[in-house]
Amino acid sequence: MDAFFDNIAIPSLYSGIAFAFVGSMLHFSPPSEINGVIGYRTKASMKSQERWDFAQKYSAMFMGICGVIMVALSLLSYFIPIDAELKNIGGLGLLLTSAVSMIAATEIALKKRFKNNY
């Protein structure tokens, strides 16, 4: 089993599990009121309750999908014959890409949905 964990992208595996778990938790039980502590909190998402509700559901769904993709790619990296250090660097890159794409996609969706008063 140690050989398995030595040959996969660990950062994206662990963060993928966290993304999938937190995304599903926030999707099924989103924060109901605008707050500065939990949930998807940006200036655009906190302008109104309607924006807040939309951003919570959208970002949670996107986060869950990113988590599943990160876990799958981490496990598939077992079959790529490159150094474990490079796999871990790739895993960190995948984590950053997932986080940035989640934020960008949610902000774009907010802008499209509320284009009249963005």
PDB file of N, CA and C in Angstrom:
ATOM      1  N   MET A   1       0.827  -1.202   0.000  1.00  0.00           N
ATOM      2  CA  MET A   1       0.000   0.000   0.000  1.00  0.00           C
ATOM      3  C   MET A   1       0.863   1.254   0.000  1.00  0.00           C
ATOM      4  N   ASP A   2       2.032   1.189   0.650  1.00  0.00           N
ATOM      5  CA  ASP A   2       2.920   2.344   0.652  1.00  0.00           C
ATOM      6  C   ASP A   2       3.387   2.692  -0.753  1.00  0.00           C
ATOM      7  N   ALA A   3       3.626   1.667  -1.577  1.00  0.00           N
ATOM      8  CA  ALA A   3       4.048   1.919  -2.952  1.00  0.00           C
ATOM      9  C   ALA A   3       2.958   2.665  -3.723  1.00  0.00           C
ATOM     10  N   PHE A   4       1.701   2.354  -3.413  1.00  0.00           N
ATOM     11  CA  PHE A   4       0.602   3.049  -4.077  1.00  0.00           C
ATOM     12  C   PHE A   4       0.625   4.531  -3.725  1.00  0.00           C
ATOM     13  N   PHE A   5       0.698   4.853  -2.432  1.00  0.00           N
ATOM     14  CA  PHE A   5       0.672   6.247  -2.003  1.00  0.00           C
ATOM     15  C   PHE A   5       1.945   6.993  -2.398  1.00  0.00           C
ATOM     16  N   ASP A   6       3.029   6.285  -2.606  1.00  0.00           N
ATOM     17  CA  ASP A   6       4.261   6.923  -3.060  1.00  0.00           C
ATOM     18  C   ASP A   6       4.192   7.296  -4.536  1.00  0.00           C
ATOM     19  N   ASN A   7       3.223   6.743  -5.262  1.00  0.00           N
ATOM     20  CA  ASN A   7       3.162   6.942  -6.713  1.00  0.00           C
ATOM     21  C   ASN A   7       1.903   7.654  -7.198  1.00  0.00           C
ATOM     22  N   ILE A   8       1.226   8.365  -6.321  1.00  0.00           N
ATOM     23  CA  ILE A   8       0.089   9.170  -6.749  1.00  0.00           C
ATOM     24  C   ILE A   8       0.302  10.609  -6.318  1.00  0.00           C
ATOM     25  N   ALA A   9      -0.487  11.499  -6.894  1.00  0.00           N
ATOM     26  CA  ALA A   9      -0.392  12.929  -6.570  1.00  0.00           C
ATOM     27  C   ALA A   9      -1.152  13.184  -5.268  1.00  0.00           C
ATOM     28  N   ILE A  10      -0.445  13.122  -4.163  1.00  0.00           N
ATOM     29  CA  ILE A  10      -1.044  13.228  -2.828  1.00  0.00           C
ATOM     30  C   ILE A  10      -1.777  14.559  -2.596  1.00  0.00           C
ATOM     31  N   PRO A  11      -1.190  15.720  -2.959  1.00  0.00           N
ATOM     32  CA  PRO A  11      -1.898  16.978  -2.660  1.00  0.00           C
ATOM     33  C   PRO A  11      -3.290  17.052  -3.275  1.00  0.00           C
ATOM     34  N   SER A  12      -3.412  16.636  -4.525  1.00  0.00           N
ATOM     35  CA  SER A  12      -4.727  16.719  -5.160  1.00  0.00           C
ATOM     36  C   SER A  12      -5.657  15.605  -4.682  1.00  0.00           C
ATOM     37  N   LEU A  13      -5.116  14.506  -4.190  1.00  0.00           N
ATOM     38  CA  LEU A  13      -5.970  13.456  -3.637  1.00  0.00           C
ATOM     39  C   LEU A  13      -6.638  13.950  -2.355  1.00  0.00           C
ATOM     40  N   TYR A  14      -5.840  14.432  -1.418  1.00  0.00           N
ATOM     41  CA  TYR A  14      -6.391  14.896  -0.142  1.00  0.00           C
ATOM     42  C   TYR A  14      -7.281  16.123  -0.315  1.00  0.00           C
ATOM     43  N   SER A  15      -6.825  17.077  -1.103  1.00  0.00           N
ATOM     44  CA  SER A  15      -7.652  18.275  -1.291  1.00  0.00           C
ATOM     45  C   SER A  15      -8.889  17.945  -2.135  1.00  0.00           C
ATOM     46  N   GLY A  16      -8.795  16.982  -3.035  1.00  0.00           N
ATOM     47  CA  GLY A  16      -9.959  16.554  -3.803  1.00  0.00           C
ATOM     48  C   GLY A  16     -11.021  15.936  -2.912  1.00  0.00           C
ATOM     49  N   ILE A  17     -10.579  15.132  -1.957  1.00  0.00           N
ATOM     50  CA  ILE A  17     -11.520  14.551  -0.994  1.00  0.00           C
ATOM     51  C   ILE A  17     -12.174  15.668  -0.187  1.00  0.00           C
ATOM     52  N   ALA A  18     -11.377  16.639   0.246  1.00  0.00           N
ATOM     53  CA  ALA A  18     -11.922  17.771   1.016  1.00  0.00           C
ATOM     54  C   ALA A  18     -12.886  18.598   0.163  1.00  0.00           C
ATOM     55  N   PHE A  19     -12.508  18.887  -1.081  1.00  0.00           N
ATOM     56  CA  PHE A  19     -13.383  19.652  -1.979  1.00  0.00           C
ATOM     57  C   PHE A  19     -14.714  18.930  -2.163  1.00  0.00           C
ATOM     58  N   ALA A  20     -14.666  17.626  -2.435  1.00  0.00           N
ATOM     59  CA  ALA A  20     -15.894  16.865  -2.664  1.00  0.00           C
ATOM     60  C   ALA A  20     -16.767  16.854  -1.410  1.00  0.00           C
ATOM     61  N   PHE A  21     -16.143  16.667  -0.250  1.00  0.00           N
ATOM     62  CA  PHE A  21     -16.902  16.627   0.996  1.00  0.00           C
ATOM     63  C   PHE A  21     -17.520  17.983   1.326  1.00  0.00           C
ATOM     64  N   VAL A  22     -16.701  19.027   1.302  1.00  0.00           N
ATOM     65  CA  VAL A  22     -17.208  20.370   1.627  1.00  0.00           C
ATOM     66  C   VAL A  22     -18.224  20.832   0.580  1.00  0.00           C
ATOM     67  N   GLY A  23     -17.948  20.555  -0.684  1.00  0.00           N
ATOM     68  CA  GLY A  23     -18.890  20.930  -1.743  1.00  0.00           C
ATOM     69  C   GLY A  23     -20.247  20.282  -1.554  1.00  0.00           C
ATOM     70  N   SER A  24     -20.249  18.986  -1.210  1.00  0.00           N
ATOM     71  CA  SER A  24     -21.536  18.321  -1.012  1.00  0.00           C
ATOM     72  C   SER A  24     -22.226  18.819   0.254  1.00  0.00           C
ATOM     73  N   MET A  25     -21.469  19.093   1.306  1.00  0.00           N
ATOM     74  CA  MET A  25     -22.064  19.630   2.531  1.00  0.00           C
ATOM     75  C   MET A  25     -22.704  20.997   2.263  1.00  0.00           C
ATOM     76  N   LEU A  26     -21.982  21.867   1.549  1.00  0.00           N
ATOM     77  CA  LEU A  26     -22.510  23.197   1.261  1.00  0.00           C
ATOM     78  C   LEU A  26     -23.655  23.155   0.253  1.00  0.00           C
ATOM     79  N   HIS A  27     -23.652  22.166  -0.620  1.00  0.00           N
ATOM     80  CA  HIS A  27     -24.736  22.055  -1.596  1.00  0.00           C
ATOM     81  C   HIS A  27     -26.045  21.652  -0.909  1.00  0.00           C
ATOM     82  N   PHE A  28     -25.966  20.682  -0.014  1.00  0.00           N
ATOM     83  CA  PHE A  28     -27.176  20.185   0.633  1.00  0.00           C
ATOM     84  C   PHE A  28     -27.572  20.983   1.873  1.00  0.00           C
ATOM     85  N   SER A  29     -26.629  21.751   2.415  1.00  0.00           N
ATOM     86  CA  SER A  29     -26.940  22.568   3.585  1.00  0.00           C
ATOM     87  C   SER A  29     -26.193  23.902   3.498  1.00  0.00           C
ATOM     88  N   PRO A  30     -26.568  24.755   2.524  1.00  0.00           N
ATOM     89  CA  PRO A  30     -25.848  26.023   2.348  1.00  0.00           C
ATOM     90  C   PRO A  30     -26.159  27.002   3.483  1.00  0.00           C
ATOM     91  N   PRO A  31     -25.235  27.922   3.743  1.00  0.00           N
ATOM     92  CA  PRO A  31     -25.532  28.950   4.739  1.00  0.00           C
ATOM     93  C   PRO A  31     -26.708  29.792   4.259  1.00  0.00           C
ATOM     94  N   SER A  32     -27.708  29.945   5.097  1.00  0.00           N
ATOM     95  CA  SER A  32     -28.946  30.595   4.665  1.00  0.00           C
ATOM     96  C   SER A  32     -28.874  32.117   4.684  1.00  0.00           C
ATOM     97  N   GLU A  33     -28.061  32.670   5.542  1.00  0.00           N
ATOM     98  CA  GLU A  33     -27.968  34.126   5.641  1.00  0.00           C
ATOM     99  C   GLU A  33     -26.572  34.596   5.241  1.00  0.00           C
ATOM    100  N   ILE A  34     -26.513  35.786   4.694  1.00  0.00           N
ATOM    101  CA  ILE A  34     -25.233  36.375   4.304  1.00  0.00           C
ATOM    102  C   ILE A  34     -24.384  36.550   5.555  1.00  0.00           C
ATOM    103  N   ASN A  35     -23.165  36.051   5.488  1.00  0.00           N
ATOM    104  CA  ASN A  35     -22.253  36.175   6.621  1.00  0.00           C
ATOM    105  C   ASN A  35     -20.824  36.249   6.119  1.00  0.00           C
ATOM    106  N   GLY A  36     -19.921  36.620   6.953  1.00  0.00           N
ATOM    107  CA  GLY A  36     -18.520  36.743   6.575  1.00  0.00           C
ATOM    108  C   GLY A  36     -17.658  35.596   7.057  1.00  0.00           C
ATOM    109  N   VAL A  37     -18.296  34.482   7.462  1.00  0.00           N
ATOM    110  CA  VAL A  37     -17.536  33.387   8.054  1.00  0.00           C
ATOM    111  C   VAL A  37     -17.542  32.119   7.201  1.00  0.00           C
ATOM    112  N   ILE A  38     -18.729  31.702   6.741  1.00  0.00           N
ATOM    113  CA  ILE A  38     -18.833  30.429   6.025  1.00  0.00           C
ATOM    114  C   ILE A  38     -19.599  30.613   4.719  1.00  0.00           C
ATOM    115  N   GLY A  39     -19.167  29.870   3.703  1.00  0.00           N
ATOM    116  CA  GLY A  39     -19.823  29.929   2.407  1.00  0.00           C
ATOM    117  C   GLY A  39     -18.957  30.637   1.385  1.00  0.00           C
ATOM    118  N   TYR A  40     -19.505  30.812   0.197  1.00  0.00           N
ATOM    119  CA  TYR A  40     -18.814  31.522  -0.879  1.00  0.00           C
ATOM    120  C   TYR A  40     -18.999  33.014  -0.632  1.00  0.00           C
ATOM    121  N   ARG A  41     -17.923  33.684  -0.201  1.00  0.00           N
ATOM    122  CA  ARG A  41     -18.019  35.079   0.226  1.00  0.00           C
ATOM    123  C   ARG A  41     -17.167  35.980  -0.666  1.00  0.00           C
ATOM    124  N   THR A  42     -17.803  36.665  -1.576  1.00  0.00           N
ATOM    125  CA  THR A  42     -17.150  37.696  -2.363  1.00  0.00           C
ATOM    126  C   THR A  42     -18.058  38.924  -2.345  1.00  0.00           C
ATOM    127  N   LYS A  43     -17.516  40.026  -2.809  1.00  0.00           N
ATOM    128  CA  LYS A  43     -18.300  41.257  -2.854  1.00  0.00           C
ATOM    129  C   LYS A  43     -19.570  41.069  -3.682  1.00  0.00           C
ATOM    130  N   ALA A  44     -19.429  40.396  -4.817  1.00  0.00           N
ATOM    131  CA  ALA A  44     -20.574  40.183  -5.709  1.00  0.00           C
ATOM    132  C   ALA A  44     -21.619  39.263  -5.087  1.00  0.00           C
ATOM    133  N   SER A  45     -21.176  38.233  -4.372  1.00  0.00           N
ATOM    134  CA  SER A  45     -22.136  37.283  -3.811  1.00  0.00           C
ATOM    135  C   SER A  45     -22.853  37.810  -2.576  1.00  0.00           C
ATOM    136  N   MET A  46     -22.287  38.836  -1.949  1.00  0.00           N
ATOM    137  CA  MET A  46     -22.866  39.339  -0.707  1.00  0.00           C
ATOM    138  C   MET A  46     -23.723  40.598  -0.903  1.00  0.00           C
ATOM    139  N   LYS A  47     -24.004  40.949  -2.170  1.00  0.00           N
ATOM    140  CA  LYS A  47     -24.800  42.155  -2.446  1.00  0.00           C
ATOM    141  C   LYS A  47     -26.270  42.006  -2.104  1.00  0.00           C
ATOM    142  N   SER A  48     -26.800  40.805  -2.197  1.00  0.00           N
ATOM    143  CA  SER A  48     -28.214  40.582  -1.874  1.00  0.00           C
ATOM    144  C   SER A  48     -28.399  39.129  -1.470  1.00  0.00           C
ATOM    145  N   GLN A  49     -29.522  38.861  -0.864  1.00  0.00           N
ATOM    146  CA  GLN A  49     -29.820  37.486  -0.446  1.00  0.00           C
ATOM    147  C   GLN A  49     -29.986  36.570  -1.651  1.00  0.00           C
ATOM    148  N   GLU A  50     -30.580  37.083  -2.727  1.00  0.00           N
ATOM    149  CA  GLU A  50     -30.765  36.275  -3.933  1.00  0.00           C
ATOM    150  C   GLU A  50     -29.418  35.875  -4.540  1.00  0.00           C
ATOM    151  N   ARG A  51     -28.493  36.825  -4.590  1.00  0.00           N
ATOM    152  CA  ARG A  51     -27.142  36.535  -5.095  1.00  0.00           C
ATOM    153  C   ARG A  51     -26.445  35.522  -4.186  1.00  0.00           C
ATOM    154  N   TRP A  52     -26.592  35.730  -2.901  1.00  0.00           N
ATOM    155  CA  TRP A  52     -25.955  34.852  -1.916  1.00  0.00           C
ATOM    156  C   TRP A  52     -26.429  33.405  -2.117  1.00  0.00           C
ATOM    157  N   ASP A  53     -27.734  33.217  -2.208  1.00  0.00           N
ATOM    158  CA  ASP A  53     -28.283  31.880  -2.365  1.00  0.00           C
ATOM    159  C   ASP A  53     -27.801  31.223  -3.657  1.00  0.00           C
ATOM    160  N   PHE A  54     -27.814  31.991  -4.741  1.00  0.00           N
ATOM    161  CA  PHE A  54     -27.347  31.465  -6.027  1.00  0.00           C
ATOM    162  C   PHE A  54     -25.866  31.081  -5.952  1.00  0.00           C
ATOM    163  N   ALA A  55     -25.042  31.953  -5.394  1.00  0.00           N
ATOM    164  CA  ALA A  55     -23.594  31.709  -5.324  1.00  0.00           C
ATOM    165  C   ALA A  55     -23.269  30.494  -4.457  1.00  0.00           C
ATOM    166  N   GLN A  56     -24.028  30.289  -3.392  1.00  0.00           N
ATOM    167  CA  GLN A  56     -23.767  29.140  -2.516  1.00  0.00           C
ATOM    168  C   GLN A  56     -24.009  27.834  -3.250  1.00  0.00           C
ATOM    169  N   LYS A  57     -25.134  27.736  -3.929  1.00  0.00           N
ATOM    170  CA  LYS A  57     -25.464  26.502  -4.656  1.00  0.00           C
ATOM    171  C   LYS A  57     -24.504  26.270  -5.823  1.00  0.00           C
ATOM    172  N   TYR A  58     -24.226  27.343  -6.581  1.00  0.00           N
ATOM    173  CA  TYR A  58     -23.386  27.205  -7.766  1.00  0.00           C
ATOM    174  C   TYR A  58     -21.957  26.816  -7.385  1.00  0.00           C
ATOM    175  N   SER A  59     -21.372  27.534  -6.436  1.00  0.00           N
ATOM    176  CA  SER A  59     -19.984  27.258  -6.059  1.00  0.00           C
ATOM    177  C   SER A  59     -19.847  25.897  -5.385  1.00  0.00           C
ATOM    178  N   ALA A  60     -20.843  25.493  -4.601  1.00  0.00           N
ATOM    179  CA  ALA A  60     -20.786  24.185  -3.947  1.00  0.00           C
ATOM    180  C   ALA A  60     -20.827  23.064  -4.978  1.00  0.00           C
ATOM    181  N   MET A  61     -21.691  23.201  -5.994  1.00  0.00           N
ATOM    182  CA  MET A  61     -21.755  22.203  -7.046  1.00  0.00           C
ATOM    183  C   MET A  61     -20.420  22.127  -7.793  1.00  0.00           C
ATOM    184  N   PHE A  62     -19.878  23.289  -8.134  1.00  0.00           N
ATOM    185  CA  PHE A  62     -18.614  23.337  -8.871  1.00  0.00           C
ATOM    186  C   PHE A  62     -17.487  22.753  -8.023  1.00  0.00           C
ATOM    187  N   MET A  63     -17.477  23.071  -6.734  1.00  0.00           N
ATOM    188  CA  MET A  63     -16.446  22.565  -5.845  1.00  0.00           C
ATOM    189  C   MET A  63     -16.516  21.038  -5.738  1.00  0.00           C
ATOM    190  N   GLY A  64     -17.709  20.501  -5.634  1.00  0.00           N
ATOM    191  CA  GLY A  64     -17.861  19.049  -5.566  1.00  0.00           C
ATOM    192  C   GLY A  64     -17.367  18.360  -6.822  1.00  0.00           C
ATOM    193  N   ILE A  65     -17.699  18.928  -7.973  1.00  0.00           N
ATOM    194  CA  ILE A  65     -17.235  18.361  -9.245  1.00  0.00           C
ATOM    195  C   ILE A  65     -15.717  18.426  -9.341  1.00  0.00           C
ATOM    196  N   CYS A  66     -15.140  19.565  -8.968  1.00  0.00           N
ATOM    197  CA  CYS A  66     -13.676  19.697  -8.975  1.00  0.00           C
ATOM    198  C   CYS A  66     -13.035  18.670  -8.049  1.00  0.00           C
ATOM    199  N   GLY A  67     -13.650  18.434  -6.905  1.00  0.00           N
ATOM    200  CA  GLY A  67     -13.119  17.450  -5.965  1.00  0.00           C
ATOM    201  C   GLY A  67     -13.090  16.059  -6.550  1.00  0.00           C
ATOM    202  N   VAL A  68     -14.167  15.665  -7.200  1.00  0.00           N
ATOM    203  CA  VAL A  68     -14.224  14.338  -7.812  1.00  0.00           C
ATOM    204  C   VAL A  68     -13.174  14.222  -8.919  1.00  0.00           C
ATOM    205  N   ILE A  69     -13.028  15.273  -9.710  1.00  0.00           N
ATOM    206  CA  ILE A  69     -12.024  15.261 -10.789  1.00  0.00           C
ATOM    207  C   ILE A  69     -10.619  15.167 -10.206  1.00  0.00           C
ATOM    208  N   MET A  70     -10.345  15.916  -9.134  1.00  0.00           N
ATOM    209  CA  MET A  70      -9.013  15.860  -8.517  1.00  0.00           C
ATOM    210  C   MET A  70      -8.710  14.468  -7.984  1.00  0.00           C
ATOM    211  N   VAL A  71      -9.673  13.842  -7.334  1.00  0.00           N
ATOM    212  CA  VAL A  71      -9.460  12.489  -6.811  1.00  0.00           C
ATOM    213  C   VAL A  71      -9.203  11.521  -7.958  1.00  0.00           C
ATOM    214  N   ALA A  72     -10.010  11.606  -9.000  1.00  0.00           N
ATOM    215  CA  ALA A  72      -9.846  10.696 -10.144  1.00  0.00           C
ATOM    216  C   ALA A  72      -8.482  10.871 -10.807  1.00  0.00           C
ATOM    217  N   LEU A  73      -8.079  12.116 -11.038  1.00  0.00           N
ATOM    218  CA  LEU A  73      -6.780  12.349 -11.677  1.00  0.00           C
ATOM    219  C   LEU A  73      -5.619  11.940 -10.772  1.00  0.00           C
ATOM    220  N   SER A  74      -5.791  12.118  -9.477  1.00  0.00           N
ATOM    221  CA  SER A  74      -4.750  11.680  -8.539  1.00  0.00           C
ATOM    222  C   SER A  74      -4.568  10.174  -8.604  1.00  0.00           C
ATOM    223  N   LEU A  75      -5.679   9.460  -8.609  1.00  0.00           N
ATOM    224  CA  LEU A  75      -5.594   8.004  -8.674  1.00  0.00           C
ATOM    225  C   LEU A  75      -5.063   7.530 -10.022  1.00  0.00           C
ATOM    226  N   LEU A  76      -5.436   8.229 -11.092  1.00  0.00           N
ATOM    227  CA  LEU A  76      -4.915   7.870 -12.420  1.00  0.00           C
ATOM    228  C   LEU A  76      -3.423   8.165 -12.546  1.00  0.00           C
ATOM    229  N   SER A  77      -2.925   9.094 -11.747  1.00  0.00           N
ATOM    230  CA  SER A  77      -1.493   9.427 -11.824  1.00  0.00           C
ATOM    231  C   SER A  77      -0.617   8.249 -11.404  1.00  0.00           C
ATOM    232  N   TYR A  78      -1.196   7.257 -10.748  1.00  0.00           N
ATOM    233  CA  TYR A  78      -0.460   6.047 -10.380  1.00  0.00           C
ATOM    234  C   TYR A  78       0.124   5.379 -11.620  1.00  0.00           C
ATOM    235  N   PHE A  79      -0.585   5.486 -12.726  1.00  0.00           N
ATOM    236  CA  PHE A  79      -0.178   4.801 -13.952  1.00  0.00           C
ATOM    237  C   PHE A  79       0.765   5.625 -14.829  1.00  0.00           C
ATOM    238  N   ILE A  80       1.111   6.831 -14.396  1.00  0.00           N
ATOM    239  CA  ILE A  80       2.028   7.683 -15.160  1.00  0.00           C
ATOM    240  C   ILE A  80       3.436   7.477 -14.604  1.00  0.00           C
ATOM    241  N   PRO A  81       4.341   7.011 -15.421  1.00  0.00           N
ATOM    242  CA  PRO A  81       5.684   6.677 -14.924  1.00  0.00           C
ATOM    243  C   PRO A  81       6.615   7.900 -14.831  1.00  0.00           C
ATOM    244  N   ILE A  82       6.323   8.794 -13.894  1.00  0.00           N
ATOM    245  CA  ILE A  82       7.224   9.916 -13.634  1.00  0.00           C
ATOM    246  C   ILE A  82       7.506   9.981 -12.137  1.00  0.00           C
ATOM    247  N   ASP A  83       8.476  10.780 -11.781  1.00  0.00           N
ATOM    248  CA  ASP A  83       8.902  10.912 -10.394  1.00  0.00           C
ATOM    249  C   ASP A  83       7.746  11.380  -9.499  1.00  0.00           C
ATOM    250  N   ALA A  84       7.698  10.870  -8.276  1.00  0.00           N
ATOM    251  CA  ALA A  84       6.631  11.229  -7.330  1.00  0.00           C
ATOM    252  C   ALA A  84       6.644  12.721  -7.020  1.00  0.00           C
ATOM    253  N   GLU A  85       7.826  13.321  -7.007  1.00  0.00           N
ATOM    254  CA  GLU A  85       7.911  14.759  -6.740  1.00  0.00           C
ATOM    255  C   GLU A  85       7.200  15.557  -7.835  1.00  0.00           C
ATOM    256  N   LEU A  86       7.365  15.153  -9.077  1.00  0.00           N
ATOM    257  CA  LEU A  86       6.670  15.819 -10.181  1.00  0.00           C
ATOM    258  C   LEU A  86       5.166  15.601 -10.097  1.00  0.00           C
ATOM    259  N   LYS A  87       4.760  14.425  -9.656  1.00  0.00           N
ATOM    260  CA  LYS A  87       3.328  14.166  -9.478  1.00  0.00           C
ATOM    261  C   LYS A  87       2.750  15.079  -8.407  1.00  0.00           C
ATOM    262  N   ASN A  88       3.501  15.293  -7.341  1.00  0.00           N
ATOM    263  CA  ASN A  88       3.026  16.170  -6.272  1.00  0.00           C
ATOM    264  C   ASN A  88       2.963  17.629  -6.724  1.00  0.00           C
ATOM    265  N   ILE A  89       3.921  18.035  -7.516  1.00  0.00           N
ATOM    266  CA  ILE A  89       3.876  19.395  -8.080  1.00  0.00           C
ATOM    267  C   ILE A  89       2.663  19.524  -8.997  1.00  0.00           C
ATOM    268  N   GLY A  90       2.406  18.506  -9.806  1.00  0.00           N
ATOM    269  CA  GLY A  90       1.212  18.498 -10.652  1.00  0.00           C
ATOM    270  C   GLY A  90      -0.058  18.523  -9.822  1.00  0.00           C
ATOM    271  N   GLY A  91      -0.045  17.805  -8.699  1.00  0.00           N
ATOM    272  CA  GLY A  91      -1.200  17.797  -7.807  1.00  0.00           C
ATOM    273  C   GLY A  91      -1.464  19.168  -7.211  1.00  0.00           C
ATOM    274  N   LEU A  92      -0.406  19.878  -6.849  1.00  0.00           N
ATOM    275  CA  LEU A  92      -0.575  21.246  -6.341  1.00  0.00           C
ATOM    276  C   LEU A  92      -1.113  22.164  -7.435  1.00  0.00           C
ATOM    277  N   GLY A  93      -0.610  21.978  -8.655  1.00  0.00           N
ATOM    278  CA  GLY A  93      -1.109  22.762  -9.783  1.00  0.00           C
ATOM    279  C   GLY A  93      -2.588  22.496 -10.035  1.00  0.00           C
ATOM    280  N   LEU A  94      -2.987  21.241  -9.924  1.00  0.00           N
ATOM    281  CA  LEU A  94      -4.389  20.880 -10.099  1.00  0.00           C
ATOM    282  C   LEU A  94      -5.252  21.502  -9.007  1.00  0.00           C
ATOM    283  N   LEU A  95      -4.747  21.522  -7.781  1.00  0.00           N
ATOM    284  CA  LEU A  95      -5.471  22.153  -6.676  1.00  0.00           C
ATOM    285  C   LEU A  95      -5.673  23.639  -6.936  1.00  0.00           C
ATOM    286  N   LEU A  96      -4.608  24.331  -7.317  1.00  0.00           N
ATOM    287  CA  LEU A  96      -4.709  25.769  -7.601  1.00  0.00           C
ATOM    288  C   LEU A  96      -5.640  26.042  -8.776  1.00  0.00           C
ATOM    289  N   THR A  97      -5.523  25.238  -9.814  1.00  0.00           N
ATOM    290  CA  THR A  97      -6.387  25.397 -10.980  1.00  0.00           C
ATOM    291  C   THR A  97      -7.858  25.197 -10.608  1.00  0.00           C
ATOM    292  N   SER A  98      -8.129  24.217  -9.787  1.00  0.00           N
ATOM    293  CA  SER A  98      -9.504  23.956  -9.359  1.00  0.00           C
ATOM    294  C   SER A  98     -10.064  25.119  -8.548  1.00  0.00           C
ATOM    295  N   ALA A  99      -9.274  25.628  -7.619  1.00  0.00           N
ATOM    296  CA  ALA A  99      -9.746  26.739  -6.778  1.00  0.00           C
ATOM    297  C   ALA A  99      -9.993  27.993  -7.606  1.00  0.00           C
ATOM    298  N   VAL A 100      -9.062  28.321  -8.472  1.00  0.00           N
ATOM    299  CA  VAL A 100      -9.206  29.518  -9.299  1.00  0.00           C
ATOM    300  C   VAL A 100     -10.375  29.369 -10.262  1.00  0.00           C
ATOM    301  N   SER A 101     -10.523  28.189 -10.859  1.00  0.00           N
ATOM    302  CA  SER A 101     -11.626  28.000 -11.810  1.00  0.00           C
ATOM    303  C   SER A 101     -12.974  28.036 -11.105  1.00  0.00           C
ATOM    304  N   MET A 102     -13.048  27.552  -9.867  1.00  0.00           N
ATOM    305  CA  MET A 102     -14.303  27.614  -9.121  1.00  0.00           C
ATOM    306  C   MET A 102     -14.700  29.064  -8.872  1.00  0.00           C
ATOM    307  N   ILE A 103     -13.753  29.873  -8.445  1.00  0.00           N
ATOM    308  CA  ILE A 103     -14.033  31.285  -8.185  1.00  0.00           C
ATOM    309  C   ILE A 103     -14.404  31.999  -9.475  1.00  0.00           C
ATOM    310  N   ALA A 104     -13.623  31.786 -10.528  1.00  0.00           N
ATOM    311  CA  ALA A 104     -13.883  32.452 -11.807  1.00  0.00           C
ATOM    312  C   ALA A 104     -15.247  32.051 -12.367  1.00  0.00           C
ATOM    313  N   ALA A 105     -15.553  30.763 -12.337  1.00  0.00           N
ATOM    314  CA  ALA A 105     -16.833  30.296 -12.884  1.00  0.00           C
ATOM    315  C   ALA A 105     -18.009  30.855 -12.093  1.00  0.00           C
ATOM    316  N   THR A 106     -17.886  30.913 -10.782  1.00  0.00           N
ATOM    317  CA  THR A 106     -18.975  31.441  -9.960  1.00  0.00           C
ATOM    318  C   THR A 106     -19.165  32.932 -10.207  1.00  0.00           C
ATOM    319  N   GLU A 107     -18.078  33.672 -10.311  1.00  0.00           N
ATOM    320  CA  GLU A 107     -18.194  35.110 -10.577  1.00  0.00           C
ATOM    321  C   GLU A 107     -18.800  35.377 -11.950  1.00  0.00           C
ATOM    322  N   ILE A 108     -18.416  34.584 -12.943  1.00  0.00           N
ATOM    323  CA  ILE A 108     -18.995  34.730 -14.285  1.00  0.00           C
ATOM    324  C   ILE A 108     -20.483  34.398 -14.256  1.00  0.00           C
ATOM    325  N   ALA A 109     -20.844  33.333 -13.541  1.00  0.00           N
ATOM    326  CA  ALA A 109     -22.263  32.959 -13.441  1.00  0.00           C
ATOM    327  C   ALA A 109     -23.067  34.043 -12.728  1.00  0.00           C
ATOM    328  N   LEU A 110     -22.500  34.636 -11.684  1.00  0.00           N
ATOM    329  CA  LEU A 110     -23.173  35.744 -10.998  1.00  0.00           C
ATOM    330  C   LEU A 110     -23.369  36.927 -11.935  1.00  0.00           C
ATOM    331  N   LYS A 111     -22.339  37.212 -12.702  1.00  0.00           N
ATOM    332  CA  LYS A 111     -22.406  38.346 -13.630  1.00  0.00           C
ATOM    333  C   LYS A 111     -23.474  38.116 -14.698  1.00  0.00           C
ATOM    334  N   LYS A 112     -23.553  36.896 -15.222  1.00  0.00           N
ATOM    335  CA  LYS A 112     -24.557  36.584 -16.240  1.00  0.00           C
ATOM    336  C   LYS A 112     -25.963  36.594 -15.657  1.00  0.00           C
ATOM    337  N   ARG A 113     -26.105  36.012 -14.493  1.00  0.00           N
ATOM    338  CA  ARG A 113     -27.435  35.899 -13.879  1.00  0.00           C
ATOM    339  C   ARG A 113     -27.980  37.248 -13.426  1.00  0.00           C
ATOM    340  N   PHE A 114     -27.107  38.097 -12.911  1.00  0.00           N
ATOM    341  CA  PHE A 114     -27.526  39.395 -12.382  1.00  0.00           C
ATOM    342  C   PHE A 114     -26.902  40.534 -13.184  1.00  0.00           C
ATOM    343  N   LYS A 115     -26.958  40.417 -14.513  1.00  0.00           N
ATOM    344  CA  LYS A 115     -26.286  41.377 -15.382  1.00  0.00           C
ATOM    345  C   LYS A 115     -26.832  42.781 -15.264  1.00  0.00           C
ATOM    346  N   ASN A 116     -28.071  42.942 -14.892  1.00  0.00           N
ATOM    347  CA  ASN A 116     -28.654  44.281 -14.797  1.00  0.00           C
ATOM    348  C   ASN A 116     -28.146  45.088 -13.603  1.00  0.00           C
ATOM    349  N   ASN A 117     -27.722  44.401 -12.579  1.00  0.00           N
ATOM    350  CA  ASN A 117     -27.240  45.107 -11.390  1.00  0.00           C
ATOM    351  C   ASN A 117     -25.980  44.498 -10.816  1.00  0.00           C
ATOM    352  N   TYR A 118     -25.032  44.223 -11.662  1.00  0.00           N
ATOM    353  CA  TYR A 118     -23.773  43.660 -11.194  1.00  0.00           C
ATOM    354  C   TYR A 118     -22.951  44.785 -10.621  1.00  0.00           C
TER     355      TYR A 118
END
